[in-house]
Protein backbone atom coordinates (compact mmCIF):
# COMPACT_ATOMS: atom_id res chain seq x y z
CA MET A 1 47.62 66.37 33.38
CA ILE A 2 46.41 64.63 30.13
CA SER A 3 46.74 66.74 27.03
CA THR A 4 43.96 67.26 24.48
CA SER A 5 45.97 65.47 21.73
CA MET A 6 46.26 62.30 23.87
CA LYS A 7 42.47 62.24 24.44
CA LYS A 8 41.83 62.47 20.70
CA GLN A 9 44.26 59.60 20.08
CA GLN A 10 42.49 57.39 22.62
CA GLY A 11 39.15 58.03 20.92
CA ALA A 12 40.60 57.16 17.50
CA ALA A 13 42.12 53.92 18.83
CA LEU A 14 38.71 52.88 20.16
CA ALA A 15 37.04 53.54 16.82
CA VAL A 16 39.74 51.64 14.91
CA GLY A 17 39.46 48.74 17.36
CA LEU A 18 35.70 48.54 16.88
CA ILE A 19 36.07 48.58 13.10
CA LEU A 20 38.67 45.81 13.23
CA MET A 21 36.41 43.72 15.46
CA LEU A 22 33.55 44.21 13.02
CA ILE A 23 35.73 43.14 10.10
CA ILE A 24 36.94 40.04 11.96
CA THR A 25 33.35 39.16 12.91
CA LEU A 26 32.19 39.49 9.32
CA MET A 27 35.12 37.36 8.13
CA GLY A 28 34.27 34.68 10.67
CA TYR A 29 30.58 34.73 9.72
CA THR A 30 31.42 34.46 6.00
CA SER A 31 33.80 31.59 6.66
CA MET A 32 31.17 29.80 8.76
CA LYS A 33 28.56 30.21 6.00
CA GLY A 34 31.02 28.82 3.45
CA THR A 35 31.69 25.80 5.67
CA MET A 36 27.97 25.16 6.15
CA LEU A 37 27.42 25.40 2.38
CA GLN A 38 30.19 22.90 1.75
CA GLU A 39 28.67 20.52 4.29
CA LYS A 40 25.28 20.78 2.58
CA MET A 41 26.87 20.14 -0.81
CA ALA A 42 28.73 17.11 0.54
CA ALA A 43 25.53 15.77 2.13
CA GLY A 44 23.65 16.32 -1.14
CA LEU A 45 26.28 14.42 -3.10
CA HIS A 46 26.23 11.65 -0.52
CA ASN A 47 22.44 11.31 -0.70
CA TYR A 48 22.49 11.38 -4.50
CA ALA A 49 25.14 8.64 -4.58
CA LEU A 50 23.02 6.49 -2.26
CA ALA A 51 19.90 7.03 -4.36
CA GLN A 52 21.87 6.27 -7.53
CA SER A 53 23.12 3.03 -6.03
CA GLY A 54 19.60 2.10 -4.93
CA ALA A 55 18.24 2.69 -8.44
CA ASN A 56 21.05 0.62 -9.96
CA SER A 57 20.29 -2.20 -7.53
CA ALA A 58 16.60 -2.05 -8.46
CA VAL A 59 17.46 -2.28 -12.17
CA ARG A 60 19.67 -5.27 -11.46
CA ALA A 61 16.86 -6.97 -9.52
CA GLY A 62 14.55 -6.53 -12.52
CA GLU A 63 17.18 -7.99 -14.85
CA ILE A 64 17.59 -11.00 -12.56
CA GLU A 65 13.82 -11.53 -12.56
CA LEU A 66 13.76 -11.47 -16.36
CA TYR A 67 16.73 -13.82 -16.53
CA LYS A 68 14.95 -16.32 -14.29
CA LEU A 69 11.76 -16.05 -16.36
CA VAL A 70 13.67 -16.78 -19.55
CA GLY A 71 15.31 -19.78 -17.89
CA LEU A 72 12.04 -21.22 -16.56
CA THR A 73 9.81 -20.53 -19.56
CA ASN A 74 9.96 -20.12 -23.29
CA ALA A 75 10.65 -16.40 -23.58
CA VAL A 76 8.41 -16.23 -26.64
CA ASP A 77 5.46 -16.61 -24.25
CA ILE A 78 6.61 -13.68 -22.09
CA LYS A 79 4.45 -10.78 -23.15
CA GLY A 80 3.82 -7.39 -21.64
CA THR A 81 0.21 -6.51 -20.89
CA PRO A 82 -1.45 -3.16 -20.08
CA GLN A 83 -2.03 -4.13 -16.43
CA GLY A 84 0.98 -6.43 -16.03
CA GLU A 85 -1.18 -9.49 -15.44
CA LEU A 86 1.33 -11.81 -17.11
CA PHE A 87 4.61 -12.19 -15.18
CA ASN A 88 4.17 -8.63 -13.83
CA ILE A 89 5.48 -7.25 -17.15
CA TYR A 90 3.78 -4.24 -18.71
CA SER A 91 3.29 -3.33 -22.34
CA GLN A 92 4.79 -0.08 -23.53
CA LEU A 93 1.51 0.94 -25.16
CA GLU A 94 -1.84 1.25 -23.44
CA ASP A 95 -3.25 -0.94 -26.22
CA PRO A 96 -0.47 -3.22 -27.57
CA ASP A 97 -2.55 -4.05 -30.65
CA ASP A 98 -2.93 -0.41 -31.68
CA GLU A 99 0.21 1.35 -32.91
CA THR A 100 -1.44 4.76 -32.41
CA SER A 101 -2.26 4.03 -28.78
CA ASP A 102 -0.85 6.22 -26.00
CA LEU A 103 2.00 5.05 -23.82
CA ASN A 104 1.00 2.86 -20.89
CA PRO A 105 -0.05 5.32 -18.12
CA ILE A 106 0.94 2.87 -15.37
CA VAL A 107 4.53 2.78 -16.61
CA GLN A 108 4.63 6.52 -17.26
CA THR A 109 3.37 7.29 -13.75
CA PHE A 110 6.06 5.07 -12.28
CA LYS A 111 8.75 6.95 -14.24
CA GLU A 112 7.78 10.28 -12.69
CA ARG A 113 10.13 11.50 -9.98
CA ASN A 114 7.77 10.92 -7.09
CA TRP A 115 6.43 8.02 -5.08
CA VAL A 116 2.77 8.19 -6.16
CA SER A 117 2.75 4.99 -8.22
CA GLN A 118 2.12 1.77 -6.30
CA ARG A 119 2.76 -0.55 -9.25
CA GLY A 120 6.52 -0.86 -8.90
CA LYS A 121 8.02 -4.02 -7.46
CA ASP A 122 10.17 -3.67 -4.33
CA HIS A 123 13.81 -4.66 -4.31
CA PRO A 124 14.18 -7.93 -2.35
CA ASP A 125 16.64 -6.34 0.10
CA ASP A 126 15.45 -3.65 2.52
CA PHE A 127 17.93 -0.78 2.22
CA SER A 128 15.88 1.35 4.62
CA LEU A 129 17.25 -0.80 7.47
CA ALA A 130 20.86 0.14 6.74
CA SER A 131 22.92 2.32 9.06
CA PHE A 132 21.85 5.94 9.43
CA ASN A 133 24.37 7.30 6.93
CA GLY A 134 23.61 4.62 4.35
CA ALA A 135 19.85 4.20 4.70
CA LEU A 136 17.37 5.02 1.97
CA ASN A 137 14.05 6.68 2.70
CA LYS A 138 12.06 4.03 0.81
CA GLN A 139 12.66 0.61 -0.62
CA PRO A 140 13.99 0.86 -4.21
CA GLN A 141 11.49 -0.30 -6.83
CA TYR A 142 11.57 -1.43 -10.45
CA ILE A 143 9.11 -1.93 -13.26
CA ILE A 144 9.52 -3.98 -16.44
CA GLU A 145 7.96 -3.05 -19.75
CA GLN A 146 8.16 -4.84 -23.06
CA ILE A 147 9.27 -2.53 -25.83
CA SER A 148 6.57 -2.00 -28.42
CA ASP A 149 6.67 -2.37 -32.17
CA ILE A 150 7.75 1.26 -32.37
CA ALA A 151 11.31 -0.01 -32.03
CA PHE A 152 11.21 -3.72 -32.79
CA GLY A 153 8.35 -4.41 -35.21
CA ALA A 154 4.96 -6.04 -34.89
CA GLU A 155 3.88 -8.15 -31.94
CA ASN A 156 6.53 -6.54 -29.69
CA SER A 157 9.22 -8.72 -31.29
CA GLN A 158 11.31 -9.04 -34.42
CA GLU A 159 11.56 -12.14 -36.59
CA PHE A 160 14.97 -12.63 -38.19
CA ASP A 161 17.20 -15.29 -39.78
CA ASN A 162 20.19 -16.57 -37.86
CA ALA A 163 23.69 -17.03 -39.25
CA ALA A 164 22.89 -20.52 -40.53
CA GLY A 165 19.96 -19.18 -42.50
CA SER A 166 17.20 -20.96 -40.56
CA ASP A 167 14.26 -18.90 -39.40
CA GLY A 168 11.91 -19.06 -36.41
CA ASN A 169 14.05 -17.08 -33.96
CA VAL A 170 12.53 -14.21 -32.04
CA GLN A 171 14.27 -11.26 -30.41
CA LYS A 172 12.46 -9.65 -27.53
CA ALA A 173 13.48 -6.47 -25.74
CA PHE A 174 12.46 -5.24 -22.32
CA LEU A 175 13.11 -1.92 -20.58
CA VAL A 176 13.82 -2.16 -16.86
CA THR A 177 13.36 1.06 -14.87
CA GLY A 178 14.65 1.32 -11.32
CA LYS A 179 13.71 4.08 -8.88
CA SER A 180 15.21 5.02 -5.52
CA GLU A 181 14.81 7.81 -2.98
CA SER A 182 17.63 9.18 -0.85
CA GLY A 183 17.63 8.92 2.91
CA ASP A 184 16.64 12.55 3.37
CA GLY A 185 13.71 12.14 0.93
CA LYS A 186 14.91 15.03 -1.25
CA THR A 187 16.41 13.13 -4.17
CA ILE A 188 14.74 10.56 -6.43
CA VAL A 189 16.86 8.83 -9.06
CA LEU A 190 15.64 6.82 -12.06
CA ASN A 191 17.92 4.41 -13.94
CA GLN A 192 17.11 2.20 -16.92
CA SER A 193 18.60 -0.71 -18.80
CA MET A 194 17.65 -2.67 -21.90
CA PHE A 195 17.28 -6.45 -21.58
CA THR A 196 17.18 -8.42 -24.83
CA VAL A 197 16.77 -12.14 -25.39
CA VAL A 198 16.80 -14.28 -28.51
CA VAL A 199 14.78 -17.51 -28.44
CA ASP A 200 13.56 -20.15 -30.84
CA SER A 201 9.83 -19.64 -31.32
CA SER A 202 9.42 -23.21 -32.53
CA SER A 203 10.53 -24.74 -29.22
CA SER A 204 9.27 -24.54 -25.69
CA ASN A 205 11.20 -25.10 -22.45
């Protein structure tokens, strides 16, 4: 015959067992959530790194384009325009001849972290065709603007004397902005670089 004390002990063991199972379940759930969070963080870092690389590649493509232009033409003749009609290079100001003019809206729209602007130039290589883990959502783009007289004096350039004391040299500066979107479409990265060139305004290539 089972005593009353043994029945009470069996009931207590059941309650303790259920509590332990609940604790173990909660620990497992918390661990699983932590693992999922770490995976999301790793994926976010991966996508950001890809977008960063795409933006860097776009900047480099813009620098190469400028380098080729300088080699093929007299860089003095390279001038940014409000609509980019000349060599697809934009002026920093909406009206380059007016120092009080607003910044070029085409360039400013491109620099926003979205893909609304259609004025950027695509990178020559299609990164969207890469493998699944390395693909970008859109083709990286870049835009080139000539820095205005705000930084470098009138006519978007700066006249100066060289070491030998002869004049006629011109320094021009361009800002290259690259933009890229991660494969998951959640991250847009913008990178910029300054491209400067010194040429002799009295000669023409």
